[in-house]
């Protein structure tokens, strides 16, 4: 059976320092928040907020 591939799927971009590109990290967190439990979603929101803080 063939799996349906999401037309919006794409490879994640990784920075040279090994970190996930900021835009991809933000998008990943948002997508995960939509499918996870309320508790996990809250933790993901916290992580997303932390990822938006620039050093």
PDB file of N, CA and C in Angstrom:
ATOM      1  N   UNK A   1       0.833  -1.179   0.000  1.00  0.00           N
ATOM      2  CA  UNK A   1       0.000   0.000   0.000  1.00  0.00           C
ATOM      3  C   UNK A   1       0.877   1.242   0.000  1.00  0.00           C
ATOM      4  N   UNK A   2       0.576   2.171  -0.874  1.00  0.00           N
ATOM      5  CA  UNK A   2       1.355   3.392  -0.988  1.00  0.00           C
ATOM      6  C   UNK A   2       0.894   4.423   0.041  1.00  0.00           C
ATOM      7  N   UNK A   3       1.845   5.046   0.724  1.00  0.00           N
ATOM      8  CA  UNK A   3       1.495   6.093   1.682  1.00  0.00           C
ATOM      9  C   UNK A   3       1.305   7.411   0.960  1.00  0.00           C
ATOM     10  N   UNK A   4       0.316   8.181   1.422  1.00  0.00           N
ATOM     11  CA  UNK A   4       0.088   9.499   0.852  1.00  0.00           C
ATOM     12  C   UNK A   4       1.132  10.457   1.416  1.00  0.00           C
ATOM     13  N   UNK A   5       1.795  11.158   0.544  1.00  0.00           N
ATOM     14  CA  UNK A   5       2.821  12.104   0.967  1.00  0.00           C
ATOM     15  C   UNK A   5       2.219  13.503   0.952  1.00  0.00           C
ATOM     16  N   UNK A   6       2.372  14.211   2.062  1.00  0.00           N
ATOM     17  CA  UNK A   6       1.863  15.571   2.173  1.00  0.00           C
ATOM     18  C   UNK A   6       2.569  16.457   1.161  1.00  0.00           C
ATOM     19  N   UNK A   7       1.793  17.182   0.370  1.00  0.00           N
ATOM     20  CA  UNK A   7       2.382  18.031  -0.667  1.00  0.00           C
ATOM     21  C   UNK A   7       3.189  19.183  -0.072  1.00  0.00           C
ATOM     22  N   UNK A   8       2.985  19.472   1.228  1.00  0.00           N
ATOM     23  CA  UNK A   8       3.728  20.544   1.878  1.00  0.00           C
ATOM     24  C   UNK A   8       4.992  20.033   2.572  1.00  0.00           C
ATOM     25  N   UNK A   9       5.229  18.720   2.515  1.00  0.00           N
ATOM     26  CA  UNK A   9       6.393  18.189   3.215  1.00  0.00           C
ATOM     27  C   UNK A   9       7.670  18.592   2.474  1.00  0.00           C
ATOM     28  N   UNK A  10       8.705  18.803   3.257  1.00  0.00           N
ATOM     29  CA  UNK A  10       9.995  19.173   2.693  1.00  0.00           C
ATOM     30  C   UNK A  10      11.069  18.825   3.708  1.00  0.00           C
ATOM     31  N   UNK A  11      12.288  18.885   3.276  1.00  0.00           N
ATOM     32  CA  UNK A  11      13.396  18.596   4.175  1.00  0.00           C
ATOM     33  C   UNK A  11      13.597  19.754   5.136  1.00  0.00           C
ATOM     34  N   UNK A  12      14.031  19.417   6.337  1.00  0.00           N
ATOM     35  CA  UNK A  12      14.360  20.448   7.310  1.00  0.00           C
ATOM     36  C   UNK A  12      15.737  20.998   6.998  1.00  0.00           C
ATOM     37  N   UNK A  13      15.919  22.278   7.254  1.00  0.00           N
ATOM     38  CA  UNK A  13      17.213  22.913   7.011  1.00  0.00           C
ATOM     39  C   UNK A  13      17.990  22.964   8.322  1.00  0.00           C
ATOM     40  N   UNK A  14      19.220  22.493   8.261  1.00  0.00           N
ATOM     41  CA  UNK A  14      20.094  22.505   9.424  1.00  0.00           C
ATOM     42  C   UNK A  14      21.187  23.536   9.209  1.00  0.00           C
ATOM     43  N   UNK A  15      21.497  24.273  10.250  1.00  0.00           N
ATOM     44  CA  UNK A  15      22.561  25.275  10.193  1.00  0.00           C
ATOM     45  C   UNK A  15      23.923  24.583  10.285  1.00  0.00           C
ATOM     46  N   UNK A  16      24.970  25.316   9.975  1.00  0.00           N
ATOM     47  CA  UNK A  16      26.319  24.753  10.028  1.00  0.00           C
ATOM     48  C   UNK A  16      26.721  24.352  11.440  1.00  0.00           C
ATOM     49  N   UNK A  17      26.139  25.005  12.447  1.00  0.00           N
ATOM     50  CA  UNK A  17      26.470  24.674  13.834  1.00  0.00           C
ATOM     51  C   UNK A  17      25.692  23.461  14.351  1.00  0.00           C
ATOM     52  N   UNK A  18      24.896  22.826  13.470  1.00  0.00           N
ATOM     53  CA  UNK A  18      24.158  21.633  13.856  1.00  0.00           C
ATOM     54  C   UNK A  18      22.766  21.907  14.395  1.00  0.00           C
ATOM     55  N   UNK A  19      22.402  23.183  14.521  1.00  0.00           N
ATOM     56  CA  UNK A  19      21.076  23.557  15.009  1.00  0.00           C
ATOM     57  C   UNK A  19      20.076  23.544  13.854  1.00  0.00           C
ATOM     58  N   UNK A  20      18.826  23.275  14.186  1.00  0.00           N
ATOM     59  CA  UNK A  20      17.757  23.350  13.202  1.00  0.00           C
ATOM     60  C   UNK A  20      17.502  24.822  12.885  1.00  0.00           C
ATOM     61  N   UNK A  21      17.324  25.149  11.612  1.00  0.00           N
ATOM     62  CA  UNK A  21      17.074  26.533  11.218  1.00  0.00           C
ATOM     63  C   UNK A  21      15.878  27.066  11.997  1.00  0.00           C
ATOM     64  N   UNK A  22      15.955  28.314  12.432  1.00  0.00           N
ATOM     65  CA  UNK A  22      14.938  28.914  13.298  1.00  0.00           C
ATOM     66  C   UNK A  22      13.527  28.791  12.713  1.00  0.00           C
ATOM     67  N   UNK A  23      13.375  29.077  11.439  1.00  0.00           N
ATOM     68  CA  UNK A  23      12.062  29.009  10.793  1.00  0.00           C
ATOM     69  C   UNK A  23      11.524  27.575  10.829  1.00  0.00           C
ATOM     70  N   UNK A  24      12.381  26.605  10.535  1.00  0.00           N
ATOM     71  CA  UNK A  24      11.958  25.208  10.549  1.00  0.00           C
ATOM     72  C   UNK A  24      11.616  24.749  11.956  1.00  0.00           C
ATOM     73  N   UNK A  25      12.369  25.201  12.942  1.00  0.00           N
ATOM     74  CA  UNK A  25      12.081  24.856  14.330  1.00  0.00           C
ATOM     75  C   UNK A  25      10.716  25.403  14.731  1.00  0.00           C
ATOM     76  N   UNK A  26      10.434  26.643  14.383  1.00  0.00           N
ATOM     77  CA  UNK A  26       9.149  27.258  14.719  1.00  0.00           C
ATOM     78  C   UNK A  26       7.997  26.510  14.062  1.00  0.00           C
ATOM     79  N   UNK A  27       8.152  26.169  12.792  1.00  0.00           N
ATOM     80  CA  UNK A  27       7.106  25.436  12.075  1.00  0.00           C
ATOM     81  C   UNK A  27       6.896  24.044  12.670  1.00  0.00           C
ATOM     82  N   UNK A  28       7.975  23.370  13.018  1.00  0.00           N
ATOM     83  CA  UNK A  28       7.886  22.040  13.616  1.00  0.00           C
ATOM     84  C   UNK A  28       7.142  22.095  14.944  1.00  0.00           C
ATOM     85  N   UNK A  29       7.467  23.065  15.776  1.00  0.00           N
ATOM     86  CA  UNK A  29       6.799  23.213  17.075  1.00  0.00           C
ATOM     87  C   UNK A  29       5.309  23.458  16.875  1.00  0.00           C
ATOM     88  N   UNK A  30       4.947  24.328  15.945  1.00  0.00           N
ATOM     89  CA  UNK A  30       3.532  24.614  15.692  1.00  0.00           C
ATOM     90  C   UNK A  30       2.787  23.371  15.219  1.00  0.00           C
ATOM     91  N   UNK A  31       3.377  22.603  14.339  1.00  0.00           N
ATOM     92  CA  UNK A  31       2.731  21.378  13.851  1.00  0.00           C
ATOM     93  C   UNK A  31       2.562  20.361  14.973  1.00  0.00           C
ATOM     94  N   UNK A  32       3.579  20.218  15.801  1.00  0.00           N
ATOM     95  CA  UNK A  32       3.493  19.271  16.913  1.00  0.00           C
ATOM     96  C   UNK A  32       2.426  19.692  17.927  1.00  0.00           C
ATOM     97  N   UNK A  33       2.303  20.998  18.178  1.00  0.00           N
ATOM     98  CA  UNK A  33       1.299  21.489  19.117  1.00  0.00           C
ATOM     99  C   UNK A  33      -0.108  21.107  18.666  1.00  0.00           C
ATOM    100  N   UNK A  34      -0.327  21.009  17.373  1.00  0.00           N
ATOM    101  CA  UNK A  34      -1.653  20.677  16.846  1.00  0.00           C
ATOM    102  C   UNK A  34      -2.034  19.219  17.038  1.00  0.00           C
ATOM    103  N   UNK A  35      -1.078  18.351  17.278  1.00  0.00           N
ATOM    104  CA  UNK A  35      -1.390  16.921  17.382  1.00  0.00           C
ATOM    105  C   UNK A  35      -1.090  16.314  18.755  1.00  0.00           C
ATOM    106  N   UNK A  36      -0.460  17.062  19.619  1.00  0.00           N
ATOM    107  CA  UNK A  36      -0.087  16.537  20.929  1.00  0.00           C
ATOM    108  C   UNK A  36      -1.149  16.833  21.982  1.00  0.00           C
ATOM    109  N   UNK A  37      -1.033  16.173  23.128  1.00  0.00           N
ATOM    110  CA  UNK A  37      -1.947  16.395  24.243  1.00  0.00           C
ATOM    111  C   UNK A  37      -1.790  17.824  24.768  1.00  0.00           C
ATOM    112  N   UNK A  38      -2.751  18.223  25.595  1.00  0.00           N
ATOM    113  CA  UNK A  38      -2.736  19.593  26.128  1.00  0.00           C
ATOM    114  C   UNK A  38      -1.464  19.878  26.922  1.00  0.00           C
ATOM    115  N   UNK A  39      -1.053  18.928  27.768  1.00  0.00           N
ATOM    116  CA  UNK A  39       0.158  19.122  28.581  1.00  0.00           C
ATOM    117  C   UNK A  39       1.390  19.258  27.683  1.00  0.00           C
ATOM    118  N   UNK A  40       1.516  18.344  26.746  1.00  0.00           N
ATOM    119  CA  UNK A  40       2.671  18.381  25.840  1.00  0.00           C
ATOM    120  C   UNK A  40       2.638  19.638  24.989  1.00  0.00           C
ATOM    121  N   UNK A  41       1.455  20.032  24.566  1.00  0.00           N
ATOM    122  CA  UNK A  41       1.309  21.243  23.765  1.00  0.00           C
ATOM    123  C   UNK A  41       1.774  22.469  24.544  1.00  0.00           C
ATOM    124  N   UNK A  42       1.484  22.493  25.839  1.00  0.00           N
ATOM    125  CA  UNK A  42       1.931  23.602  26.687  1.00  0.00           C
ATOM    126  C   UNK A  42       3.452  23.651  26.759  1.00  0.00           C
ATOM    127  N   UNK A  43       4.061  22.482  26.900  1.00  0.00           N
ATOM    128  CA  UNK A  43       5.521  22.407  26.937  1.00  0.00           C
ATOM    129  C   UNK A  43       6.125  22.853  25.600  1.00  0.00           C
ATOM    130  N   UNK A  44       5.475  22.466  24.507  1.00  0.00           N
ATOM    131  CA  UNK A  44       5.955  22.879  23.190  1.00  0.00           C
ATOM    132  C   UNK A  44       5.842  24.390  23.026  1.00  0.00           C
ATOM    133  N   UNK A  45       4.780  24.980  23.556  1.00  0.00           N
ATOM    134  CA  UNK A  45       4.624  26.439  23.514  1.00  0.00           C
ATOM    135  C   UNK A  45       5.760  27.118  24.258  1.00  0.00           C
ATOM    136  N   UNK A  46       6.103  26.543  25.408  1.00  0.00           N
ATOM    137  CA  UNK A  46       7.219  27.090  26.197  1.00  0.00           C
ATOM    138  C   UNK A  46       8.520  26.989  25.411  1.00  0.00           C
ATOM    139  N   UNK A  47       8.733  25.848  24.772  1.00  0.00           N
ATOM    140  CA  UNK A  47       9.926  25.656  23.961  1.00  0.00           C
ATOM    141  C   UNK A  47       9.950  26.650  22.794  1.00  0.00           C
ATOM    142  N   UNK A  48       8.788  26.853  22.173  1.00  0.00           N
ATOM    143  CA  UNK A  48       8.695  27.791  21.068  1.00  0.00           C
ATOM    144  C   UNK A  48       9.033  29.204  21.483  1.00  0.00           C
ATOM    145  N   UNK A  49       8.567  29.581  22.668  1.00  0.00           N
ATOM    146  CA  UNK A  49       8.867  30.920  23.204  1.00  0.00           C
ATOM    147  C   UNK A  49      10.359  31.055  23.441  1.00  0.00           C
ATOM    148  N   UNK A  50      10.957  30.017  23.996  1.00  0.00           N
ATOM    149  CA  UNK A  50      12.388  30.030  24.277  1.00  0.00           C
ATOM    150  C   UNK A  50      13.183  30.125  22.983  1.00  0.00           C
ATOM    151  N   UNK A  51      12.718  29.436  21.929  1.00  0.00           N
ATOM    152  CA  UNK A  51      13.445  29.446  20.648  1.00  0.00           C
ATOM    153  C   UNK A  51      13.378  30.797  19.967  1.00  0.00           C
ATOM    154  N   UNK A  52      12.378  31.621  20.337  1.00  0.00           N
ATOM    155  CA  UNK A  52      12.258  32.948  19.736  1.00  0.00           C
ATOM    156  C   UNK A  52      13.158  33.984  20.377  1.00  0.00           C
ATOM    157  N   UNK A  53      13.741  33.640  21.527  1.00  0.00           N
ATOM    158  CA  UNK A  53      14.670  34.545  22.211  1.00  0.00           C
ATOM    159  C   UNK A  53      16.035  34.412  21.560  1.00  0.00           C
ATOM    160  N   UNK A  54      16.556  35.524  21.088  1.00  0.00           N
ATOM    161  CA  UNK A  54      17.862  35.491  20.420  1.00  0.00           C
ATOM    162  C   UNK A  54      18.959  35.801  21.412  1.00  0.00           C
ATOM    163  N   UNK A  55      20.070  35.105  21.264  1.00  0.00           N
ATOM    164  CA  UNK A  55      21.230  35.327  22.154  1.00  0.00           C
ATOM    165  C   UNK A  55      21.926  36.627  21.829  1.00  0.00           C
TER     166      UNK A  55
END
